[in-house]
Amino acid sequence: MNGRHPDFTTSRLLITATDTTDGCIWTLQTRERQQIATIQFSGQQLSYAAIDPTDRAGYIEEALTVIVAYLARTLLLPFVVGRDGEAVVWLRNGFHADESVFRRDLMH
């Protein structure tokens, strides 16, 4: 961890953190160093931009698993809100529709 937010490694991904003034941008790369998405965290909001916005391969889902656990256990956030992206991706990751955003309550 070089900044405020950590990098992560999963079985398929290298997730590199770049701190911003109000959060972090995580860049998702395959083990072969192909960039496939970014996940941005600002305040209590998450958003993503991906080559495959529907996340058919489950890369965003895999990254959100470790990122959300970090936000819950380390930052002790009570909830996060998902913005932008495909509804199916947020719903598949345990978020529920809450007006114009997706919300996920976090447990510590």
PDB file of N, CA and C in Angstrom:
ATOM      1  N   MET A   1       0.848  -1.176   0.000  1.00  0.00           N
ATOM      2  CA  MET A   1       0.000   0.000   0.000  1.00  0.00           C
ATOM      3  C   MET A   1       0.887   1.230   0.000  1.00  0.00           C
ATOM      4  N   ASN A   2       0.829   1.978  -1.078  1.00  0.00           N
ATOM      5  CA  ASN A   2       1.649   3.186  -1.197  1.00  0.00           C
ATOM      6  C   ASN A   2       0.907   4.441  -0.754  1.00  0.00           C
ATOM      7  N   GLY A   3      -0.401   4.444  -0.853  1.00  0.00           N
ATOM      8  CA  GLY A   3      -1.193   5.609  -0.487  1.00  0.00           C
ATOM      9  C   GLY A   3      -2.178   5.258   0.595  1.00  0.00           C
ATOM     10  N   ARG A   4      -3.294   5.970   0.571  1.00  0.00           N
ATOM     11  CA  ARG A   4      -4.321   5.719   1.579  1.00  0.00           C
ATOM     12  C   ARG A   4      -5.068   4.418   1.333  1.00  0.00           C
ATOM     13  N   HIS A   5      -5.220   4.040   0.069  1.00  0.00           N
ATOM     14  CA  HIS A   5      -6.013   2.864  -0.283  1.00  0.00           C
ATOM     15  C   HIS A   5      -5.108   1.789  -0.868  1.00  0.00           C
ATOM     16  N   PRO A   6      -5.417   0.515  -0.595  1.00  0.00           N
ATOM     17  CA  PRO A   6      -4.516  -0.573  -0.978  1.00  0.00           C
ATOM     18  C   PRO A   6      -4.730  -1.090  -2.405  1.00  0.00           C
ATOM     19  N   ASP A   7      -3.688  -1.730  -2.912  1.00  0.00           N
ATOM     20  CA  ASP A   7      -3.783  -2.554  -4.112  1.00  0.00           C
ATOM     21  C   ASP A   7      -4.296  -3.921  -3.663  1.00  0.00           C
ATOM     22  N   PHE A   8      -4.856  -4.680  -4.590  1.00  0.00           N
ATOM     23  CA  PHE A   8      -5.333  -6.025  -4.295  1.00  0.00           C
ATOM     24  C   PHE A   8      -4.866  -6.964  -5.404  1.00  0.00           C
ATOM     25  N   THR A   9      -4.754  -8.231  -5.065  1.00  0.00           N
ATOM     26  CA  THR A   9      -4.481  -9.272  -6.047  1.00  0.00           C
ATOM     27  C   THR A   9      -5.486 -10.385  -5.813  1.00  0.00           C
ATOM     28  N   THR A  10      -6.127 -10.820  -6.891  1.00  0.00           N
ATOM     29  CA  THR A  10      -7.037 -11.963  -6.801  1.00  0.00           C
ATOM     30  C   THR A  10      -6.492 -13.059  -7.709  1.00  0.00           C
ATOM     31  N   SER A  11      -7.217 -14.139  -7.815  1.00  0.00           N
ATOM     32  CA  SER A  11      -6.744 -15.238  -8.648  1.00  0.00           C
ATOM     33  C   SER A  11      -6.621 -14.850 -10.119  1.00  0.00           C
ATOM     34  N   ARG A  12      -7.419 -13.867 -10.562  1.00  0.00           N
ATOM     35  CA  ARG A  12      -7.381 -13.470 -11.972  1.00  0.00           C
ATOM     36  C   ARG A  12      -6.962 -12.031 -12.210  1.00  0.00           C
ATOM     37  N   LEU A  13      -6.910 -11.224 -11.161  1.00  0.00           N
ATOM     38  CA  LEU A  13      -6.750  -9.780 -11.345  1.00  0.00           C
ATOM     39  C   LEU A  13      -5.613  -9.177 -10.540  1.00  0.00           C
ATOM     40  N   LEU A  14      -5.058  -8.125 -11.106  1.00  0.00           N
ATOM     41  CA  LEU A  14      -4.198  -7.191 -10.384  1.00  0.00           C
ATOM     42  C   LEU A  14      -5.014  -5.913 -10.280  1.00  0.00           C
ATOM     43  N   ILE A  15      -5.251  -5.444  -9.085  1.00  0.00           N
ATOM     44  CA  ILE A  15      -6.093  -4.270  -8.854  1.00  0.00           C
ATOM     45  C   ILE A  15      -5.207  -3.212  -8.209  1.00  0.00           C
ATOM     46  N   THR A  16      -4.912  -2.168  -8.977  1.00  0.00           N
ATOM     47  CA  THR A  16      -3.964  -1.157  -8.545  1.00  0.00           C
ATOM     48  C   THR A  16      -4.704   0.115  -8.135  1.00  0.00           C
ATOM     49  N   ALA A  17      -4.374   0.646  -6.964  1.00  0.00           N
ATOM     50  CA  ALA A  17      -5.031   1.838  -6.428  1.00  0.00           C
ATOM     51  C   ALA A  17      -4.260   3.099  -6.792  1.00  0.00           C
ATOM     52  N   THR A  18      -5.012   4.123  -7.156  1.00  0.00           N
ATOM     53  CA  THR A  18      -4.471   5.465  -7.343  1.00  0.00           C
ATOM     54  C   THR A  18      -5.334   6.395  -6.501  1.00  0.00           C
ATOM     55  N   ASP A  19      -4.748   6.993  -5.485  1.00  0.00           N
ATOM     56  CA  ASP A  19      -5.519   7.882  -4.615  1.00  0.00           C
ATOM     57  C   ASP A  19      -5.911   9.156  -5.344  1.00  0.00           C
ATOM     58  N   THR A  20      -7.096   9.653  -5.034  1.00  0.00           N
ATOM     59  CA  THR A  20      -7.572  10.946  -5.510  1.00  0.00           C
ATOM     60  C   THR A  20      -7.802  11.823  -4.291  1.00  0.00           C
ATOM     61  N   THR A  21      -8.154  13.061  -4.499  1.00  0.00           N
ATOM     62  CA  THR A  21      -8.349  13.960  -3.357  1.00  0.00           C
ATOM     63  C   THR A  21      -9.487  13.509  -2.455  1.00  0.00           C
ATOM     64  N   ASP A  22     -10.495  12.855  -3.036  1.00  0.00           N
ATOM     65  CA  ASP A  22     -11.643  12.443  -2.224  1.00  0.00           C
ATOM     66  C   ASP A  22     -11.928  10.948  -2.278  1.00  0.00           C
ATOM     67  N   GLY A  23     -10.936  10.158  -2.673  1.00  0.00           N
ATOM     68  CA  GLY A  23     -11.176   8.718  -2.732  1.00  0.00           C
ATOM     69  C   GLY A  23     -10.074   7.974  -3.453  1.00  0.00           C
ATOM     70  N   CYS A  24     -10.478   7.133  -4.411  1.00  0.00           N
ATOM     71  CA  CYS A  24      -9.520   6.244  -5.065  1.00  0.00           C
ATOM     72  C   CYS A  24     -10.069   5.779  -6.405  1.00  0.00           C
ATOM     73  N   ILE A  25      -9.162   5.499  -7.320  1.00  0.00           N
ATOM     74  CA  ILE A  25      -9.509   4.812  -8.558  1.00  0.00           C
ATOM     75  C   ILE A  25      -8.709   3.522  -8.585  1.00  0.00           C
ATOM     76  N   TRP A  26      -9.413   2.398  -8.662  1.00  0.00           N
ATOM     77  CA  TRP A  26      -8.760   1.101  -8.777  1.00  0.00           C
ATOM     78  C   TRP A  26      -8.781   0.684 -10.243  1.00  0.00           C
ATOM     79  N   THR A  27      -7.634   0.333 -10.779  1.00  0.00           N
ATOM     80  CA  THR A  27      -7.513  -0.145 -12.151  1.00  0.00           C
ATOM     81  C   THR A  27      -7.419  -1.661 -12.132  1.00  0.00           C
ATOM     82  N   LEU A  28      -8.283  -2.304 -12.885  1.00  0.00           N
ATOM     83  CA  LEU A  28      -8.338  -3.759 -12.945  1.00  0.00           C
ATOM     84  C   LEU A  28      -7.599  -4.234 -14.192  1.00  0.00           C
ATOM     85  N   GLN A  29      -6.622  -5.111 -13.980  1.00  0.00           N
ATOM     86  CA  GLN A  29      -5.880  -5.706 -15.079  1.00  0.00           C
ATOM     87  C   GLN A  29      -5.863  -7.215 -14.903  1.00  0.00           C
ATOM     88  N   THR A  30      -5.880  -7.912 -16.043  1.00  0.00           N
ATOM     89  CA  THR A  30      -5.710  -9.358 -15.987  1.00  0.00           C
ATOM     90  C   THR A  30      -4.263  -9.641 -15.619  1.00  0.00           C
ATOM     91  N   ARG A  31      -3.970 -10.883 -15.321  1.00  0.00           N
ATOM     92  CA  ARG A  31      -2.592 -11.281 -14.996  1.00  0.00           C
ATOM     93  C   ARG A  31      -1.640 -11.012 -16.166  1.00  0.00           C
ATOM     94  N   GLU A  32      -2.203 -10.930 -17.371  1.00  0.00           N
ATOM     95  CA  GLU A  32      -1.405 -10.636 -18.568  1.00  0.00           C
ATOM     96  C   GLU A  32      -1.259  -9.130 -18.795  1.00  0.00           C
ATOM     97  N   ARG A  33      -1.702  -8.332 -17.820  1.00  0.00           N
ATOM     98  CA  ARG A  33      -1.601  -6.869 -17.827  1.00  0.00           C
ATOM     99  C   ARG A  33      -2.520  -6.177 -18.828  1.00  0.00           C
ATOM    100  N   GLN A  34      -3.617  -6.821 -19.190  1.00  0.00           N
ATOM    101  CA  GLN A  34      -4.613  -6.184 -20.038  1.00  0.00           C
ATOM    102  C   GLN A  34      -5.590  -5.433 -19.137  1.00  0.00           C
ATOM    103  N   GLN A  35      -5.699  -4.112 -19.322  1.00  0.00           N
ATOM    104  CA  GLN A  35      -6.627  -3.329 -18.509  1.00  0.00           C
ATOM    105  C   GLN A  35      -8.047  -3.612 -18.969  1.00  0.00           C
ATOM    106  N   ILE A  36      -8.919  -3.927 -18.002  1.00  0.00           N
ATOM    107  CA  ILE A  36     -10.285  -4.279 -18.357  1.00  0.00           C
ATOM    108  C   ILE A  36     -11.339  -3.369 -17.732  1.00  0.00           C
ATOM    109  N   ALA A  37     -10.964  -2.627 -16.688  1.00  0.00           N
ATOM    110  CA  ALA A  37     -11.953  -1.763 -16.047  1.00  0.00           C
ATOM    111  C   ALA A  37     -11.284  -0.858 -15.020  1.00  0.00           C
ATOM    112  N   THR A  38     -12.038   0.142 -14.591  1.00  0.00           N
ATOM    113  CA  THR A  38     -11.665   0.942 -13.428  1.00  0.00           C
ATOM    114  C   THR A  38     -12.885   1.021 -12.520  1.00  0.00           C
ATOM    115  N   ILE A  39     -12.615   1.060 -11.232  1.00  0.00           N
ATOM    116  CA  ILE A  39     -13.666   1.271 -10.241  1.00  0.00           C
ATOM    117  C   ILE A  39     -13.264   2.499  -9.450  1.00  0.00           C
ATOM    118  N   GLN A  40     -14.158   3.480  -9.409  1.00  0.00           N
ATOM    119  CA  GLN A  40     -13.857   4.715  -8.701  1.00  0.00           C
ATOM    120  C   GLN A  40     -14.656   4.762  -7.403  1.00  0.00           C
ATOM    121  N   PHE A  41     -13.978   5.184  -6.344  1.00  0.00           N
ATOM    122  CA  PHE A  41     -14.585   5.348  -5.032  1.00  0.00           C
ATOM    123  C   PHE A  41     -14.435   6.804  -4.618  1.00  0.00           C
ATOM    124  N   SER A  42     -15.557   7.439  -4.291  1.00  0.00           N
ATOM    125  CA  SER A  42     -15.551   8.833  -3.859  1.00  0.00           C
ATOM    126  C   SER A  42     -16.644   9.004  -2.811  1.00  0.00           C
ATOM    127  N   GLY A  43     -16.260   9.467  -1.625  1.00  0.00           N
ATOM    128  CA  GLY A  43     -17.238   9.559  -0.541  1.00  0.00           C
ATOM    129  C   GLY A  43     -17.710   8.164  -0.197  1.00  0.00           C
ATOM    130  N   GLN A  44     -18.977   7.902  -0.388  1.00  0.00           N
ATOM    131  CA  GLN A  44     -19.513   6.556  -0.189  1.00  0.00           C
ATOM    132  C   GLN A  44     -20.071   6.014  -1.496  1.00  0.00           C
ATOM    133  N   GLN A  45     -19.564   6.534  -2.621  1.00  0.00           N
ATOM    134  CA  GLN A  45     -20.077   6.121  -3.918  1.00  0.00           C
ATOM    135  C   GLN A  45     -19.045   5.350  -4.721  1.00  0.00           C
ATOM    136  N   LEU A  46     -19.504   4.311  -5.378  1.00  0.00           N
ATOM    137  CA  LEU A  46     -18.693   3.531  -6.301  1.00  0.00           C
ATOM    138  C   LEU A  46     -19.263   3.677  -7.699  1.00  0.00           C
ATOM    139  N   SER A  47     -18.401   3.699  -8.692  1.00  0.00           N
ATOM    140  CA  SER A  47     -18.824   3.639 -10.088  1.00  0.00           C
ATOM    141  C   SER A  47     -17.755   2.868 -10.839  1.00  0.00           C
ATOM    142  N   TYR A  48     -18.107   2.377 -12.001  1.00  0.00           N
ATOM    143  CA  TYR A  48     -17.123   1.639 -12.781  1.00  0.00           C
ATOM    144  C   TYR A  48     -17.223   1.997 -14.252  1.00  0.00           C
ATOM    145  N   ALA A  49     -16.121   1.829 -14.947  1.00  0.00           N
ATOM    146  CA  ALA A  49     -16.048   1.946 -16.401  1.00  0.00           C
ATOM    147  C   ALA A  49     -15.300   0.709 -16.864  1.00  0.00           C
ATOM    148  N   ALA A  50     -15.885  -0.015 -17.822  1.00  0.00           N
ATOM    149  CA  ALA A  50     -15.292  -1.288 -18.227  1.00  0.00           C
ATOM    150  C   ALA A  50     -15.351  -1.471 -19.732  1.00  0.00           C
ATOM    151  N   ILE A  51     -14.419  -2.259 -20.238  1.00  0.00           N
ATOM    152  CA  ILE A  51     -14.447  -2.624 -21.650  1.00  0.00           C
ATOM    153  C   ILE A  51     -15.736  -3.391 -21.935  1.00  0.00           C
ATOM    154  N   ASP A  52     -16.120  -4.279 -21.034  1.00  0.00           N
ATOM    155  CA  ASP A  52     -17.384  -5.012 -21.118  1.00  0.00           C
ATOM    156  C   ASP A  52     -18.280  -4.533 -19.977  1.00  0.00           C
ATOM    157  N   PRO A  53     -19.137  -3.536 -20.223  1.00  0.00           N
ATOM    158  CA  PRO A  53     -19.939  -2.961 -19.132  1.00  0.00           C
ATOM    159  C   PRO A  53     -20.874  -3.947 -18.452  1.00  0.00           C
ATOM    160  N   THR A  54     -21.229  -5.048 -19.120  1.00  0.00           N
ATOM    161  CA  THR A  54     -22.110  -6.031 -18.496  1.00  0.00           C
ATOM    162  C   THR A  54     -21.344  -7.033 -17.652  1.00  0.00           C
ATOM    163  N   ASP A  55     -20.016  -6.996 -17.703  1.00  0.00           N
ATOM    164  CA  ASP A  55     -19.150  -7.833 -16.866  1.00  0.00           C
ATOM    165  C   ASP A  55     -19.447  -9.324 -17.025  1.00  0.00           C
ATOM    166  N   ARG A  56     -19.546  -9.775 -18.267  1.00  0.00           N
ATOM    167  CA  ARG A  56     -19.847 -11.195 -18.520  1.00  0.00           C
ATOM    168  C   ARG A  56     -18.819 -12.133 -17.888  1.00  0.00           C
ATOM    169  N   ALA A  57     -17.555 -11.719 -17.816  1.00  0.00           N
ATOM    170  CA  ALA A  57     -16.507 -12.581 -17.254  1.00  0.00           C
ATOM    171  C   ALA A  57     -16.426 -12.484 -15.735  1.00  0.00           C
ATOM    172  N   GLY A  58     -17.166 -11.562 -15.124  1.00  0.00           N
ATOM    173  CA  GLY A  58     -17.184 -11.447 -13.671  1.00  0.00           C
ATOM    174  C   GLY A  58     -15.993 -10.737 -13.052  1.00  0.00           C
ATOM    175  N   TYR A  59     -15.227  -9.983 -13.847  1.00  0.00           N
ATOM    176  CA  TYR A  59     -14.060  -9.287 -13.302  1.00  0.00           C
ATOM    177  C   TYR A  59     -14.460  -8.187 -12.313  1.00  0.00           C
ATOM    178  N   ILE A  60     -15.490  -7.415 -12.650  1.00  0.00           N
ATOM    179  CA  ILE A  60     -15.931  -6.349 -11.742  1.00  0.00           C
ATOM    180  C   ILE A  60     -16.480  -6.972 -10.461  1.00  0.00           C
ATOM    181  N   GLU A  61     -17.227  -8.047 -10.612  1.00  0.00           N
ATOM    182  CA  GLU A  61     -17.756  -8.751  -9.440  1.00  0.00           C
ATOM    183  C   GLU A  61     -16.621  -9.223  -8.530  1.00  0.00           C
ATOM    184  N   GLU A  62     -15.585  -9.769  -9.114  1.00  0.00           N
ATOM    185  CA  GLU A  62     -14.434 -10.243  -8.337  1.00  0.00           C
ATOM    186  C   GLU A  62     -13.754  -9.079  -7.612  1.00  0.00           C
ATOM    187  N   ALA A  63     -13.576  -7.970  -8.318  1.00  0.00           N
ATOM    188  CA  ALA A  63     -12.930  -6.802  -7.718  1.00  0.00           C
ATOM    189  C   ALA A  63     -13.807  -6.180  -6.636  1.00  0.00           C
ATOM    190  N   LEU A  64     -15.107  -6.068  -6.893  1.00  0.00           N
ATOM    191  CA  LEU A  64     -15.995  -5.485  -5.892  1.00  0.00           C
ATOM    192  C   LEU A  64     -16.029  -6.308  -4.612  1.00  0.00           C
ATOM    193  N   THR A  65     -15.862  -7.604  -4.717  1.00  0.00           N
ATOM    194  CA  THR A  65     -15.845  -8.456  -3.525  1.00  0.00           C
ATOM    195  C   THR A  65     -14.755  -8.003  -2.560  1.00  0.00           C
ATOM    196  N   VAL A  66     -13.540  -7.799  -3.059  1.00  0.00           N
ATOM    197  CA  VAL A  66     -12.452  -7.397  -2.170  1.00  0.00           C
ATOM    198  C   VAL A  66     -12.542  -5.921  -1.796  1.00  0.00           C
ATOM    199  N   ILE A  67     -12.988  -5.083  -2.715  1.00  0.00           N
ATOM    200  CA  ILE A  67     -13.083  -3.645  -2.427  1.00  0.00           C
ATOM    201  C   ILE A  67     -14.162  -3.377  -1.387  1.00  0.00           C
ATOM    202  N   VAL A  68     -15.316  -3.993  -1.537  1.00  0.00           N
ATOM    203  CA  VAL A  68     -16.409  -3.776  -0.573  1.00  0.00           C
ATOM    204  C   VAL A  68     -16.020  -4.315   0.803  1.00  0.00           C
ATOM    205  N   ALA A  69     -15.333  -5.450   0.852  1.00  0.00           N
ATOM    206  CA  ALA A  69     -14.864  -5.975   2.146  1.00  0.00           C
ATOM    207  C   ALA A  69     -13.902  -4.988   2.797  1.00  0.00           C
ATOM    208  N   TYR A  70     -13.019  -4.397   2.016  1.00  0.00           N
ATOM    209  CA  TYR A  70     -12.087  -3.382   2.529  1.00  0.00           C
ATOM    210  C   TYR A  70     -12.853  -2.171   3.063  1.00  0.00           C
ATOM    211  N   LEU A  71     -13.834  -1.692   2.317  1.00  0.00           N
ATOM    212  CA  LEU A  71     -14.600  -0.516   2.743  1.00  0.00           C
ATOM    213  C   LEU A  71     -15.360  -0.792   4.036  1.00  0.00           C
ATOM    214  N   ALA A  72     -15.863  -2.006   4.180  1.00  0.00           N
ATOM    215  CA  ALA A  72     -16.615  -2.364   5.386  1.00  0.00           C
ATOM    216  C   ALA A  72     -15.698  -2.560   6.581  1.00  0.00           C
ATOM    217  N   ARG A  73     -14.631  -3.322   6.400  1.00  0.00           N
ATOM    218  CA  ARG A  73     -13.803  -3.716   7.547  1.00  0.00           C
ATOM    219  C   ARG A  73     -12.767  -2.678   7.942  1.00  0.00           C
ATOM    220  N   THR A  74     -12.222  -1.976   6.977  1.00  0.00           N
ATOM    221  CA  THR A  74     -11.149  -1.024   7.284  1.00  0.00           C
ATOM    222  C   THR A  74     -11.676   0.395   7.460  1.00  0.00           C
ATOM    223  N   LEU A  75     -12.529   0.830   6.537  1.00  0.00           N
ATOM    224  CA  LEU A  75     -13.058   2.197   6.639  1.00  0.00           C
ATOM    225  C   LEU A  75     -14.327   2.273   7.478  1.00  0.00           C
ATOM    226  N   LEU A  76     -14.894   1.097   7.801  1.00  0.00           N
ATOM    227  CA  LEU A  76     -16.097   1.005   8.638  1.00  0.00           C
ATOM    228  C   LEU A  76     -17.281   1.797   8.072  1.00  0.00           C
ATOM    229  N   LEU A  77     -17.402   1.813   6.747  1.00  0.00           N
ATOM    230  CA  LEU A  77     -18.535   2.502   6.134  1.00  0.00           C
ATOM    231  C   LEU A  77     -19.815   1.708   6.385  1.00  0.00           C
ATOM    232  N   PRO A  78     -20.913   2.376   6.723  1.00  0.00           N
ATOM    233  CA  PRO A  78     -22.156   1.658   6.976  1.00  0.00           C
ATOM    234  C   PRO A  78     -22.842   1.188   5.679  1.00  0.00           C
ATOM    235  N   PHE A  79     -22.570   1.883   4.562  1.00  0.00           N
ATOM    236  CA  PHE A  79     -23.146   1.507   3.271  1.00  0.00           C
ATOM    237  C   PHE A  79     -22.330   2.154   2.159  1.00  0.00           C
ATOM    238  N   VAL A  80     -22.505   1.648   0.947  1.00  0.00           N
ATOM    239  CA  VAL A  80     -21.957   2.274  -0.248  1.00  0.00           C
ATOM    240  C   VAL A  80     -23.064   2.345  -1.285  1.00  0.00           C
ATOM    241  N   VAL A  81     -22.902   3.272  -2.206  1.00  0.00           N
ATOM    242  CA  VAL A  81     -23.870   3.482  -3.268  1.00  0.00           C
ATOM    243  C   VAL A  81     -23.168   3.256  -4.598  1.00  0.00           C
ATOM    244  N   GLY A  82     -23.795   2.474  -5.475  1.00  0.00           N
ATOM    245  CA  GLY A  82     -23.273   2.255  -6.810  1.00  0.00           C
ATOM    246  C   GLY A  82     -23.977   3.157  -7.798  1.00  0.00           C
ATOM    247  N   ARG A  83     -23.193   3.835  -8.626  1.00  0.00           N
ATOM    248  CA  ARG A  83     -23.762   4.738  -9.626  1.00  0.00           C
ATOM    249  C   ARG A  83     -23.233   4.339 -10.994  1.00  0.00           C
ATOM    250  N   ASP A  84     -24.003   4.657 -12.006  1.00  0.00           N
ATOM    251  CA  ASP A  84     -23.620   4.385 -13.382  1.00  0.00           C
ATOM    252  C   ASP A  84     -23.474   2.880 -13.590  1.00  0.00           C
ATOM    253  N   GLY A  85     -23.104   2.478 -14.747  1.00  0.00           N
ATOM    254  CA  GLY A  85     -22.940   1.055 -15.026  1.00  0.00           C
ATOM    255  C   GLY A  85     -24.270   0.343 -15.209  1.00  0.00           C
ATOM    256  N   GLU A  86     -24.183  -0.950 -15.387  1.00  0.00           N
ATOM    257  CA  GLU A  86     -25.352  -1.781 -15.652  1.00  0.00           C
ATOM    258  C   GLU A  86     -26.011  -2.249 -14.351  1.00  0.00           C
ATOM    259  N   ALA A  87     -27.330  -2.175 -14.318  1.00  0.00           N
ATOM    260  CA  ALA A  87     -28.078  -2.598 -13.133  1.00  0.00           C
ATOM    261  C   ALA A  87     -27.766  -4.040 -12.763  1.00  0.00           C
ATOM    262  N   VAL A  88     -27.666  -4.912 -13.757  1.00  0.00           N
ATOM    263  CA  VAL A  88     -27.421  -6.327 -13.485  1.00  0.00           C
ATOM    264  C   VAL A  88     -26.102  -6.540 -12.744  1.00  0.00           C
ATOM    265  N   VAL A  89     -25.106  -5.731 -13.028  1.00  0.00           N
ATOM    266  CA  VAL A  89     -23.806  -5.866 -12.348  1.00  0.00           C
ATOM    267  C   VAL A  89     -23.945  -5.502 -10.883  1.00  0.00           C
ATOM    268  N   TRP A  90     -24.613  -4.398 -10.587  1.00  0.00           N
ATOM    269  CA  TRP A  90     -24.804  -3.998  -9.184  1.00  0.00           C
ATOM    270  C   TRP A  90     -25.645  -5.025  -8.442  1.00  0.00           C
ATOM    271  N   LEU A  91     -26.737  -5.464  -9.048  1.00  0.00           N
ATOM    272  CA  LEU A  91     -27.623  -6.428  -8.391  1.00  0.00           C
ATOM    273  C   LEU A  91     -26.913  -7.752  -8.129  1.00  0.00           C
ATOM    274  N   ARG A  92     -26.094  -8.197  -9.071  1.00  0.00           N
ATOM    275  CA  ARG A  92     -25.347  -9.448  -8.911  1.00  0.00           C
ATOM    276  C   ARG A  92     -24.320  -9.334  -7.781  1.00  0.00           C
ATOM    277  N   ASN A  93     -23.964  -8.105  -7.404  1.00  0.00           N
ATOM    278  CA  ASN A  93     -22.971  -7.891  -6.356  1.00  0.00           C
ATOM    279  C   ASN A  93     -23.584  -7.496  -5.026  1.00  0.00           C
ATOM    280  N   GLY A  94     -24.841  -7.811  -4.824  1.00  0.00           N
ATOM    281  CA  GLY A  94     -25.471  -7.603  -3.528  1.00  0.00           C
ATOM    282  C   GLY A  94     -26.031  -6.214  -3.284  1.00  0.00           C
ATOM    283  N   PHE A  95     -26.065  -5.370  -4.300  1.00  0.00           N
ATOM    284  CA  PHE A  95     -26.667  -4.049  -4.173  1.00  0.00           C
ATOM    285  C   PHE A  95     -28.155  -4.174  -4.464  1.00  0.00           C
ATOM    286  N   HIS A  96     -28.944  -3.235  -3.971  1.00  0.00           N
ATOM    287  CA  HIS A  96     -30.357  -3.204  -4.304  1.00  0.00           C
ATOM    288  C   HIS A  96     -30.703  -1.811  -4.827  1.00  0.00           C
ATOM    289  N   ALA A  97     -31.708  -1.757  -5.688  1.00  0.00           N
ATOM    290  CA  ALA A  97     -32.123  -0.483  -6.278  1.00  0.00           C
ATOM    291  C   ALA A  97     -32.676   0.425  -5.189  1.00  0.00           C
ATOM    292  N   ASP A  98     -32.229   1.662  -5.180  1.00  0.00           N
ATOM    293  CA  ASP A  98     -32.661   2.659  -4.203  1.00  0.00           C
ATOM    294  C   ASP A  98     -32.826   3.968  -4.961  1.00  0.00           C
ATOM    295  N   GLU A  99     -34.025   4.182  -5.487  1.00  0.00           N
ATOM    296  CA  GLU A  99     -34.325   5.320  -6.364  1.00  0.00           C
ATOM    297  C   GLU A  99     -33.439   5.250  -7.602  1.00  0.00           C
ATOM    298  N   SER A 100     -32.582   6.238  -7.834  1.00  0.00           N
ATOM    299  CA  SER A 100     -31.783   6.266  -9.069  1.00  0.00           C
ATOM    300  C   SER A 100     -30.379   5.687  -8.899  1.00  0.00           C
ATOM    301  N   VAL A 101     -30.105   5.063  -7.743  1.00  0.00           N
ATOM    302  CA  VAL A 101     -28.792   4.461  -7.480  1.00  0.00           C
ATOM    303  C   VAL A 101     -28.980   3.039  -6.951  1.00  0.00           C
ATOM    304  N   PHE A 102     -27.872   2.386  -6.692  1.00  0.00           N
ATOM    305  CA  PHE A 102     -27.881   1.063  -6.094  1.00  0.00           C
ATOM    306  C   PHE A 102     -27.146   1.157  -4.765  1.00  0.00           C
ATOM    307  N   ARG A 103     -27.708   0.563  -3.743  1.00  0.00           N
ATOM    308  CA  ARG A 103     -27.162   0.684  -2.393  1.00  0.00           C
ATOM    309  C   ARG A 103     -26.840  -0.693  -1.837  1.00  0.00           C
ATOM    310  N   ARG A 104     -25.751  -0.746  -1.097  1.00  0.00           N
ATOM    311  CA  ARG A 104     -25.405  -1.980  -0.386  1.00  0.00           C
ATOM    312  C   ARG A 104     -25.015  -1.635   1.034  1.00  0.00           C
ATOM    313  N   ASP A 105     -25.767  -2.177   1.987  1.00  0.00           N
ATOM    314  CA  ASP A 105     -25.432  -2.005   3.392  1.00  0.00           C
ATOM    315  C   ASP A 105     -24.246  -2.893   3.715  1.00  0.00           C
ATOM    316  N   LEU A 106     -23.326  -2.385   4.515  1.00  0.00           N
ATOM    317  CA  LEU A 106     -22.105  -3.118   4.834  1.00  0.00           C
ATOM    318  C   LEU A 106     -22.137  -3.562   6.288  1.00  0.00           C
ATOM    319  N   MET A 107     -21.610  -4.748   6.535  1.00  0.00           N
ATOM    320  CA  MET A 107     -21.532  -5.277   7.891  1.00  0.00           C
ATOM    321  C   MET A 107     -20.067  -5.300   8.310  1.00  0.00           C
ATOM    322  N   HIS A 108     -19.838  -5.027   9.578  1.00  0.00           N
ATOM    323  CA  HIS A 108     -18.462  -4.942  10.093  1.00  0.00           C
ATOM    324  C   HIS A 108     -18.130  -6.143  10.923  1.00  0.00           C
TER     325      HIS A 108
END
